[in-house]
Amino acid sequence: MELQNKILAIMVLGTLMGALDTTIVLLALPTMTSSLSTTLASSIWVILIYLLVIAVSTTQLGRVGDIYGRGKIFNVGFVVFTIGSALCGLSPSIEFLIGFRALQAFGGALMQANMGAIVADTFEPPVSPKRRRVTESSANPDMPVFAFFRNDRHYIVRIVNNGNQ
């Protein structure tokens, strides 16, 4: 297996881990609530803390990846996410579970913030940027219509000019 395919497989695995972990807790919510002898309102925080940490930290952690290396930060995120997952499974109370879930989300944010950039760095675009803009605009045929109603003449001129070249 060549290097690009390995990188893509790792990125897909990271995406799957983060996406699955965002929603899988919903299925376990009734069992968690009864096993940890807590209220449903407290158990909901297990879901909320993950979403809050991901939403708040993903943009900032992308910059950290730019500074220290995307691959390195992705790998740290993978390790932090895995440790957070293990600690979530060993949580003795809802408070510990919420805290470990925040740690897990931080690891997920480290991965998510750098995945797209790693894939973009690994796979060279097959066409020139000018042709890619035309392709992107043709993939969404409503964009020129929205630009027209927004009175965005520059966008329309760009599409027409790129289409003629």
N, C-alpha and C. Protein backbone atom coordinates (compact mmCIF):
# COMPACT_ATOMS: atom_id res chain seq x y z
N MET A 1 0.85 -1.18 0.00
CA MET A 1 0.00 0.00 0.00
C MET A 1 0.90 1.24 0.00
N GLU A 2 0.62 2.15 -0.92
CA GLU A 2 1.48 3.33 -0.99
C GLU A 2 1.14 4.33 0.11
N LEU A 3 2.03 5.27 0.34
CA LEU A 3 1.94 6.20 1.46
C LEU A 3 0.65 7.01 1.42
N GLN A 4 0.25 7.49 0.26
CA GLN A 4 -0.98 8.29 0.18
C GLN A 4 -2.19 7.51 0.64
N ASN A 5 -2.28 6.24 0.27
CA ASN A 5 -3.41 5.42 0.69
C ASN A 5 -3.40 5.16 2.19
N LYS A 6 -2.21 5.00 2.77
CA LYS A 6 -2.11 4.82 4.21
C LYS A 6 -2.58 6.06 4.95
N ILE A 7 -2.15 7.22 4.46
CA ILE A 7 -2.55 8.48 5.09
C ILE A 7 -4.06 8.65 4.99
N LEU A 8 -4.62 8.35 3.83
CA LEU A 8 -6.06 8.46 3.65
C LEU A 8 -6.81 7.51 4.59
N ALA A 9 -6.31 6.30 4.74
CA ALA A 9 -6.95 5.32 5.64
C ALA A 9 -6.93 5.81 7.09
N ILE A 10 -5.82 6.41 7.50
CA ILE A 10 -5.72 6.92 8.86
C ILE A 10 -6.67 8.11 9.06
N MET A 11 -6.78 8.97 8.06
CA MET A 11 -7.69 10.12 8.16
C MET A 11 -9.15 9.65 8.22
N VAL A 12 -9.47 8.64 7.45
CA VAL A 12 -10.84 8.09 7.47
C VAL A 12 -11.12 7.47 8.83
N LEU A 13 -10.16 6.74 9.39
CA LEU A 13 -10.32 6.15 10.71
C LEU A 13 -10.53 7.24 11.77
N GLY A 14 -9.73 8.30 11.70
CA GLY A 14 -9.89 9.41 12.65
C GLY A 14 -11.25 10.08 12.52
N THR A 15 -11.70 10.28 11.29
CA THR A 15 -13.01 10.88 11.06
C THR A 15 -14.11 9.99 11.61
N LEU A 16 -13.99 8.70 11.35
CA LEU A 16 -14.98 7.75 11.84
C LEU A 16 -15.03 7.73 13.36
N MET A 17 -13.86 7.75 13.99
CA MET A 17 -13.83 7.75 15.46
C MET A 17 -14.53 8.97 16.02
N GLY A 18 -14.21 10.14 15.47
CA GLY A 18 -14.82 11.37 15.97
C GLY A 18 -16.31 11.44 15.72
N ALA A 19 -16.73 11.08 14.52
CA ALA A 19 -18.15 11.15 14.17
C ALA A 19 -18.96 10.12 14.95
N LEU A 20 -18.44 8.93 15.07
CA LEU A 20 -19.15 7.88 15.79
C LEU A 20 -19.27 8.24 17.26
N ASP A 21 -18.20 8.78 17.82
CA ASP A 21 -18.21 9.10 19.24
C ASP A 21 -19.12 10.27 19.57
N THR A 22 -19.39 11.11 18.59
CA THR A 22 -20.29 12.24 18.82
C THR A 22 -21.70 11.75 19.10
N THR A 23 -22.11 10.69 18.42
CA THR A 23 -23.50 10.25 18.52
C THR A 23 -23.72 8.95 19.28
N ILE A 24 -22.71 8.14 19.46
CA ILE A 24 -22.89 6.82 20.07
C ILE A 24 -23.35 6.92 21.52
N VAL A 25 -23.00 7.98 22.19
CA VAL A 25 -23.38 8.13 23.59
C VAL A 25 -24.89 8.24 23.74
N LEU A 26 -25.53 8.74 22.72
CA LEU A 26 -26.99 8.85 22.75
C LEU A 26 -27.64 7.49 22.98
N LEU A 27 -27.09 6.46 22.38
CA LEU A 27 -27.64 5.11 22.56
C LEU A 27 -27.40 4.57 23.97
N ALA A 28 -26.30 4.96 24.56
CA ALA A 28 -25.93 4.45 25.88
C ALA A 28 -26.49 5.31 27.02
N LEU A 29 -27.16 6.39 26.69
CA LEU A 29 -27.63 7.34 27.71
C LEU A 29 -28.50 6.69 28.80
N PRO A 30 -29.51 5.89 28.47
CA PRO A 30 -30.31 5.28 29.54
C PRO A 30 -29.50 4.35 30.45
N THR A 31 -28.61 3.58 29.86
CA THR A 31 -27.77 2.66 30.64
C THR A 31 -26.81 3.44 31.53
N MET A 32 -26.21 4.51 30.98
CA MET A 32 -25.30 5.35 31.77
C MET A 32 -26.03 5.96 32.96
N THR A 33 -27.22 6.47 32.70
CA THR A 33 -27.98 7.14 33.75
C THR A 33 -28.27 6.19 34.90
N SER A 34 -28.68 4.97 34.59
CA SER A 34 -28.99 4.02 35.67
C SER A 34 -27.72 3.46 36.30
N SER A 35 -26.69 3.17 35.51
CA SER A 35 -25.46 2.59 36.06
C SER A 35 -24.72 3.55 36.98
N LEU A 36 -24.74 4.84 36.64
CA LEU A 36 -24.03 5.83 37.45
C LEU A 36 -24.95 6.48 38.49
N SER A 37 -26.18 6.01 38.59
CA SER A 37 -27.16 6.51 39.56
C SER A 37 -27.24 8.04 39.52
N THR A 38 -27.56 8.55 38.37
CA THR A 38 -27.62 10.00 38.18
C THR A 38 -28.91 10.36 37.46
N THR A 39 -29.10 11.65 37.26
CA THR A 39 -30.30 12.11 36.57
C THR A 39 -30.03 12.21 35.07
N LEU A 40 -31.11 12.26 34.31
CA LEU A 40 -30.98 12.41 32.86
C LEU A 40 -30.34 13.76 32.52
N ALA A 41 -30.67 14.80 33.28
CA ALA A 41 -30.09 16.12 33.03
C ALA A 41 -28.57 16.10 33.18
N SER A 42 -28.07 15.37 34.15
CA SER A 42 -26.62 15.26 34.32
C SER A 42 -26.00 14.43 33.20
N SER A 43 -26.70 13.39 32.79
CA SER A 43 -26.18 12.53 31.73
C SER A 43 -26.12 13.25 30.39
N ILE A 44 -27.02 14.18 30.16
CA ILE A 44 -27.02 14.95 28.91
C ILE A 44 -25.72 15.73 28.77
N TRP A 45 -25.11 16.12 29.89
CA TRP A 45 -23.85 16.86 29.84
C TRP A 45 -22.72 16.04 29.24
N VAL A 46 -22.84 14.73 29.26
CA VAL A 46 -21.83 13.88 28.62
C VAL A 46 -21.80 14.15 27.11
N ILE A 47 -22.97 14.37 26.54
CA ILE A 47 -23.06 14.69 25.11
C ILE A 47 -22.67 16.15 24.88
N LEU A 48 -23.21 17.04 25.70
CA LEU A 48 -22.99 18.47 25.49
C LEU A 48 -21.53 18.88 25.63
N ILE A 49 -20.83 18.32 26.61
CA ILE A 49 -19.44 18.74 26.81
C ILE A 49 -18.59 18.37 25.61
N TYR A 50 -18.86 17.22 25.01
CA TYR A 50 -18.12 16.81 23.82
C TYR A 50 -18.34 17.81 22.69
N LEU A 51 -19.60 18.12 22.43
CA LEU A 51 -19.92 19.05 21.35
C LEU A 51 -19.37 20.45 21.60
N LEU A 52 -19.44 20.91 22.85
CA LEU A 52 -18.92 22.24 23.19
C LEU A 52 -17.41 22.32 22.99
N VAL A 53 -16.69 21.33 23.48
CA VAL A 53 -15.23 21.36 23.36
C VAL A 53 -14.82 21.28 21.89
N ILE A 54 -15.46 20.42 21.12
CA ILE A 54 -15.15 20.31 19.68
C ILE A 54 -15.42 21.64 18.99
N ALA A 55 -16.58 22.23 19.25
CA ALA A 55 -16.97 23.46 18.56
C ALA A 55 -16.05 24.63 18.91
N VAL A 56 -15.65 24.72 20.14
CA VAL A 56 -14.84 25.87 20.58
C VAL A 56 -13.37 25.72 20.17
N SER A 57 -12.84 24.53 20.23
CA SER A 57 -11.39 24.40 20.07
C SER A 57 -10.91 23.99 18.68
N THR A 58 -11.78 23.55 17.81
CA THR A 58 -11.31 23.06 16.51
C THR A 58 -10.59 24.13 15.71
N THR A 59 -11.13 25.34 15.64
CA THR A 59 -10.48 26.38 14.82
C THR A 59 -9.12 26.79 15.38
N GLN A 60 -9.01 26.88 16.69
CA GLN A 60 -7.74 27.29 17.27
C GLN A 60 -6.68 26.18 17.13
N LEU A 61 -7.11 24.94 17.21
CA LEU A 61 -6.15 23.84 17.14
C LEU A 61 -5.65 23.61 15.72
N GLY A 62 -6.38 24.08 14.73
CA GLY A 62 -5.87 24.05 13.37
C GLY A 62 -4.64 24.93 13.23
N ARG A 63 -4.67 26.06 13.89
CA ARG A 63 -3.50 26.96 13.89
C ARG A 63 -2.31 26.32 14.60
N VAL A 64 -2.58 25.62 15.69
CA VAL A 64 -1.52 24.92 16.40
C VAL A 64 -0.86 23.89 15.46
N GLY A 65 -1.68 23.23 14.65
CA GLY A 65 -1.15 22.29 13.66
C GLY A 65 -0.28 22.98 12.63
N ASP A 66 -0.67 24.19 12.24
CA ASP A 66 0.15 24.95 11.29
C ASP A 66 1.53 25.29 11.89
N ILE A 67 1.55 25.56 13.18
CA ILE A 67 2.79 25.97 13.83
C ILE A 67 3.70 24.77 14.13
N TYR A 68 3.15 23.73 14.72
CA TYR A 68 3.98 22.62 15.21
C TYR A 68 4.01 21.40 14.29
N GLY A 69 3.24 21.42 13.24
CA GLY A 69 3.20 20.28 12.32
C GLY A 69 1.88 19.55 12.42
N ARG A 70 1.21 19.45 11.30
CA ARG A 70 -0.14 18.86 11.29
C ARG A 70 -0.13 17.39 11.67
N GLY A 71 0.83 16.66 11.15
CA GLY A 71 0.92 15.23 11.45
C GLY A 71 1.18 14.98 12.93
N LYS A 72 2.08 15.76 13.49
CA LYS A 72 2.41 15.61 14.91
C LYS A 72 1.19 15.90 15.79
N ILE A 73 0.48 16.99 15.49
CA ILE A 73 -0.69 17.36 16.28
C ILE A 73 -1.82 16.34 16.08
N PHE A 74 -1.97 15.82 14.85
CA PHE A 74 -2.97 14.78 14.62
C PHE A 74 -2.66 13.54 15.46
N ASN A 75 -1.39 13.13 15.50
CA ASN A 75 -1.00 11.95 16.28
C ASN A 75 -1.22 12.17 17.77
N VAL A 76 -0.89 13.36 18.26
CA VAL A 76 -1.16 13.68 19.67
C VAL A 76 -2.65 13.60 19.94
N GLY A 77 -3.46 14.12 19.02
CA GLY A 77 -4.91 14.05 19.17
C GLY A 77 -5.42 12.63 19.20
N PHE A 78 -4.83 11.77 18.37
CA PHE A 78 -5.22 10.36 18.34
C PHE A 78 -4.95 9.71 19.69
N VAL A 79 -3.80 10.00 20.27
CA VAL A 79 -3.43 9.42 21.56
C VAL A 79 -4.33 9.99 22.67
N VAL A 80 -4.53 11.31 22.68
CA VAL A 80 -5.38 11.93 23.70
C VAL A 80 -6.81 11.39 23.60
N PHE A 81 -7.31 11.25 22.39
CA PHE A 81 -8.66 10.73 22.19
C PHE A 81 -8.77 9.30 22.73
N THR A 82 -7.77 8.47 22.44
CA THR A 82 -7.80 7.08 22.88
C THR A 82 -7.71 6.99 24.40
N ILE A 83 -6.83 7.78 25.01
CA ILE A 83 -6.73 7.80 26.48
C ILE A 83 -8.03 8.29 27.09
N GLY A 84 -8.60 9.35 26.52
CA GLY A 84 -9.88 9.86 27.01
C GLY A 84 -10.98 8.81 26.91
N SER A 85 -10.98 8.05 25.82
CA SER A 85 -11.99 6.99 25.65
C SER A 85 -11.84 5.92 26.72
N ALA A 86 -10.59 5.52 26.99
CA ALA A 86 -10.36 4.50 28.02
C ALA A 86 -10.78 5.01 29.40
N LEU A 87 -10.45 6.26 29.69
CA LEU A 87 -10.83 6.82 30.98
C LEU A 87 -12.35 6.97 31.11
N CYS A 88 -13.02 7.27 30.00
CA CYS A 88 -14.49 7.34 30.04
C CYS A 88 -15.07 5.99 30.42
N GLY A 89 -14.49 4.91 29.90
CA GLY A 89 -14.97 3.57 30.23
C GLY A 89 -14.71 3.19 31.68
N LEU A 90 -13.72 3.82 32.31
CA LEU A 90 -13.38 3.50 33.71
C LEU A 90 -13.98 4.50 34.71
N SER A 91 -14.80 5.41 34.26
CA SER A 91 -15.34 6.48 35.12
C SER A 91 -16.20 5.93 36.25
N PRO A 92 -15.89 6.32 37.49
CA PRO A 92 -16.69 5.84 38.63
C PRO A 92 -17.95 6.69 38.88
N SER A 93 -18.00 7.91 38.32
CA SER A 93 -19.16 8.77 38.56
C SER A 93 -19.41 9.63 37.33
N ILE A 94 -20.56 10.29 37.33
CA ILE A 94 -20.92 11.13 36.18
C ILE A 94 -19.98 12.32 36.06
N GLU A 95 -19.50 12.84 37.16
CA GLU A 95 -18.59 13.98 37.12
C GLU A 95 -17.28 13.62 36.44
N PHE A 96 -16.73 12.44 36.80
CA PHE A 96 -15.51 11.98 36.13
C PHE A 96 -15.77 11.72 34.66
N LEU A 97 -16.92 11.15 34.35
CA LEU A 97 -17.25 10.85 32.96
C LEU A 97 -17.32 12.13 32.13
N ILE A 98 -17.92 13.15 32.67
CA ILE A 98 -18.01 14.43 31.94
C ILE A 98 -16.61 15.02 31.74
N GLY A 99 -15.76 14.96 32.76
CA GLY A 99 -14.40 15.47 32.63
C GLY A 99 -13.58 14.69 31.62
N PHE A 100 -13.67 13.37 31.67
CA PHE A 100 -12.93 12.54 30.71
C PHE A 100 -13.48 12.70 29.30
N ARG A 101 -14.76 12.96 29.21
CA ARG A 101 -15.36 13.19 27.89
C ARG A 101 -14.83 14.50 27.29
N ALA A 102 -14.59 15.50 28.13
CA ALA A 102 -13.98 16.75 27.65
C ALA A 102 -12.57 16.48 27.15
N LEU A 103 -11.82 15.65 27.86
CA LEU A 103 -10.48 15.27 27.41
C LEU A 103 -10.55 14.54 26.07
N GLN A 104 -11.48 13.63 25.95
CA GLN A 104 -11.67 12.89 24.71
C GLN A 104 -12.01 13.85 23.57
N ALA A 105 -12.88 14.81 23.83
CA ALA A 105 -13.26 15.79 22.81
C ALA A 105 -12.08 16.66 22.40
N PHE A 106 -11.22 16.99 23.34
CA PHE A 106 -10.03 17.76 23.00
C PHE A 106 -9.14 16.97 22.03
N GLY A 107 -8.99 15.68 22.28
CA GLY A 107 -8.24 14.84 21.34
C GLY A 107 -8.92 14.78 19.99
N GLY A 108 -10.26 14.69 19.99
CA GLY A 108 -10.99 14.69 18.73
C GLY A 108 -10.84 16.00 17.98
N ALA A 109 -10.81 17.11 18.71
CA ALA A 109 -10.63 18.41 18.07
C ALA A 109 -9.23 18.53 17.47
N LEU A 110 -8.22 17.99 18.16
CA LEU A 110 -6.87 17.99 17.60
C LEU A 110 -6.83 17.24 16.27
N MET A 111 -7.55 16.13 16.20
CA MET A 111 -7.58 15.36 14.96
C MET A 111 -8.38 16.08 13.89
N GLN A 112 -9.60 16.50 14.22
CA GLN A 112 -10.48 17.11 13.22
C GLN A 112 -9.91 18.40 12.65
N ALA A 113 -9.21 19.15 13.47
CA ALA A 113 -8.68 20.43 13.01
C ALA A 113 -7.58 20.27 11.97
N ASN A 114 -6.96 19.12 11.94
CA ASN A 114 -5.81 18.94 11.05
C ASN A 114 -6.03 17.93 9.93
N MET A 115 -7.13 17.20 9.96
CA MET A 115 -7.38 16.17 8.95
C MET A 115 -7.46 16.74 7.54
N GLY A 116 -8.26 17.76 7.36
CA GLY A 116 -8.44 18.33 6.03
C GLY A 116 -7.14 18.86 5.45
N ALA A 117 -6.35 19.51 6.28
CA ALA A 117 -5.07 20.06 5.82
C ALA A 117 -4.09 18.94 5.46
N ILE A 118 -4.10 17.86 6.22
CA ILE A 118 -3.21 16.74 5.91
C ILE A 118 -3.59 16.12 4.58
N VAL A 119 -4.88 15.94 4.35
CA VAL A 119 -5.33 15.37 3.08
C VAL A 119 -5.00 16.32 1.93
N ALA A 120 -5.20 17.62 2.13
CA ALA A 120 -4.88 18.60 1.08
C ALA A 120 -3.39 18.63 0.78
N ASP A 121 -2.56 18.47 1.81
CA ASP A 121 -1.11 18.45 1.59
C ASP A 121 -0.66 17.16 0.91
N THR A 122 -1.35 16.07 1.16
CA THR A 122 -0.94 14.77 0.66
C THR A 122 -1.33 14.56 -0.80
N PHE A 123 -2.54 14.98 -1.15
CA PHE A 123 -3.04 14.76 -2.49
C PHE A 123 -3.01 16.06 -3.28
N GLU A 124 -2.23 16.07 -4.33
CA GLU A 124 -2.14 17.25 -5.19
C GLU A 124 -3.42 17.37 -6.01
N PRO A 125 -3.88 18.60 -6.21
CA PRO A 125 -5.08 18.76 -7.04
C PRO A 125 -4.80 18.35 -8.48
N PRO A 126 -5.73 17.64 -9.13
CA PRO A 126 -5.49 17.16 -10.48
C PRO A 126 -5.62 18.24 -11.54
N VAL A 127 -6.23 19.38 -11.21
CA VAL A 127 -6.42 20.44 -12.19
C VAL A 127 -5.94 21.75 -11.60
N SER A 128 -5.79 22.74 -12.46
CA SER A 128 -5.33 24.05 -12.02
C SER A 128 -6.39 24.72 -11.15
N PRO A 129 -6.00 25.66 -10.29
CA PRO A 129 -6.97 26.35 -9.44
C PRO A 129 -8.09 27.04 -10.23
N LYS A 130 -7.75 27.59 -11.41
CA LYS A 130 -8.79 28.25 -12.20
C LYS A 130 -9.84 27.24 -12.65
N ARG A 131 -9.40 26.11 -13.12
CA ARG A 131 -10.35 25.10 -13.57
C ARG A 131 -11.11 24.50 -12.40
N ARG A 132 -10.48 24.43 -11.22
CA ARG A 132 -11.17 23.90 -10.05
C ARG A 132 -12.31 24.81 -9.64
N ARG A 133 -12.12 26.13 -9.74
CA ARG A 133 -13.21 27.07 -9.40
C ARG A 133 -14.40 26.85 -10.32
N VAL A 134 -14.14 26.66 -11.59
CA VAL A 134 -15.22 26.40 -12.54
C VAL A 134 -15.91 25.10 -12.19
N THR A 135 -15.14 24.08 -11.85
CA THR A 135 -15.71 22.79 -11.49
C THR A 135 -16.56 22.93 -10.23
N GLU A 136 -16.06 23.65 -9.23
CA GLU A 136 -16.81 23.83 -8.00
C GLU A 136 -18.10 24.59 -8.24
N SER A 137 -18.05 25.60 -9.11
CA SER A 137 -19.27 26.37 -9.36
C SER A 137 -20.26 25.56 -10.17
N SER A 138 -19.78 24.67 -11.04
CA SER A 138 -20.71 23.85 -11.81
C SER A 138 -21.28 22.72 -10.96
N ALA A 139 -20.56 22.33 -9.89
CA ALA A 139 -21.09 21.31 -9.00
C ALA A 139 -22.29 21.84 -8.23
N ASN A 140 -22.35 23.13 -8.02
CA ASN A 140 -23.49 23.76 -7.36
C ASN A 140 -24.06 24.79 -8.32
N PRO A 141 -24.99 24.39 -9.18
CA PRO A 141 -25.47 25.30 -10.22
C PRO A 141 -26.25 26.49 -9.68
N ASP A 142 -26.65 26.45 -8.41
CA ASP A 142 -27.40 27.58 -7.85
C ASP A 142 -26.50 28.74 -7.45
N MET A 143 -25.20 28.54 -7.35
CA MET A 143 -24.32 29.61 -6.89
C MET A 143 -24.39 30.87 -7.74
N PRO A 144 -24.35 30.80 -9.07
CA PRO A 144 -24.49 32.03 -9.84
C PRO A 144 -25.84 32.70 -9.63
N VAL A 145 -26.88 31.91 -9.40
CA VAL A 145 -28.21 32.48 -9.15
C VAL A 145 -28.21 33.23 -7.83
N PHE A 146 -27.65 32.61 -6.77
CA PHE A 146 -27.57 33.30 -5.49
C PHE A 146 -26.72 34.56 -5.59
N ALA A 147 -25.63 34.47 -6.33
CA ALA A 147 -24.76 35.64 -6.50
C ALA A 147 -25.51 36.75 -7.22
N PHE A 148 -26.34 36.39 -8.19
CA PHE A 148 -27.12 37.39 -8.92
C PHE A 148 -28.10 38.10 -7.98
N PHE A 149 -28.80 37.32 -7.16
CA PHE A 149 -29.77 37.93 -6.25
C PHE A 149 -29.09 38.71 -5.12
N ARG A 150 -27.86 38.35 -4.79
CA ARG A 150 -27.10 39.12 -3.80
C ARG A 150 -26.45 40.33 -4.44
N ASN A 151 -26.56 40.42 -5.76
CA ASN A 151 -25.95 41.49 -6.53
C ASN A 151 -24.42 41.42 -6.42
N ASP A 152 -23.89 40.22 -6.48
CA ASP A 152 -22.45 39.98 -6.40
C ASP A 152 -21.90 39.85 -7.82
N ARG A 153 -21.68 40.98 -8.47
CA ARG A 153 -21.23 40.97 -9.86
C ARG A 153 -19.85 40.36 -10.01
N HIS A 154 -19.01 40.54 -8.99
CA HIS A 154 -17.64 40.03 -9.08
C HIS A 154 -17.63 38.51 -9.19
N TYR A 155 -18.50 37.86 -8.45
CA TYR A 155 -18.57 36.40 -8.52
C TYR A 155 -19.00 35.96 -9.91
N ILE A 156 -20.03 36.60 -10.45
CA ILE A 156 -20.54 36.22 -11.78
C ILE A 156 -19.47 36.47 -12.84
N VAL A 157 -18.77 37.59 -12.78
CA VAL A 157 -17.72 37.89 -13.75
C VAL A 157 -16.61 36.86 -13.65
N ARG A 158 -16.24 36.47 -12.42
CA ARG A 158 -15.20 35.46 -12.22
C ARG A 158 -15.60 34.14 -12.86
N ILE A 159 -16.85 33.72 -12.67
CA ILE A 159 -17.33 32.46 -13.25
C ILE A 159 -17.29 32.53 -14.77
N VAL A 160 -17.78 33.63 -15.34
CA VAL A 160 -17.81 33.77 -16.78
C VAL A 160 -16.40 33.81 -17.35
N ASN A 161 -15.51 34.61 -16.74
CA ASN A 161 -14.14 34.70 -17.23
C ASN A 161 -13.40 33.37 -17.13
N ASN A 162 -13.57 32.66 -16.02
CA ASN A 162 -12.89 31.37 -15.87
C ASN A 162 -13.46 30.35 -16.84
N GLY A 163 -14.71 30.43 -17.13
CA GLY A 163 -15.32 29.50 -18.05
C GLY A 163 -14.84 29.71 -19.48
N ASN A 164 -14.43 30.94 -19.83
CA ASN A 164 -13.97 31.25 -21.18
C ASN A 164 -12.50 30.94 -21.39
N GLN A 165 -11.77 30.73 -20.33
CA GLN A 165 -10.33 30.50 -20.47
C GLN A 165 -10.02 29.05 -20.71
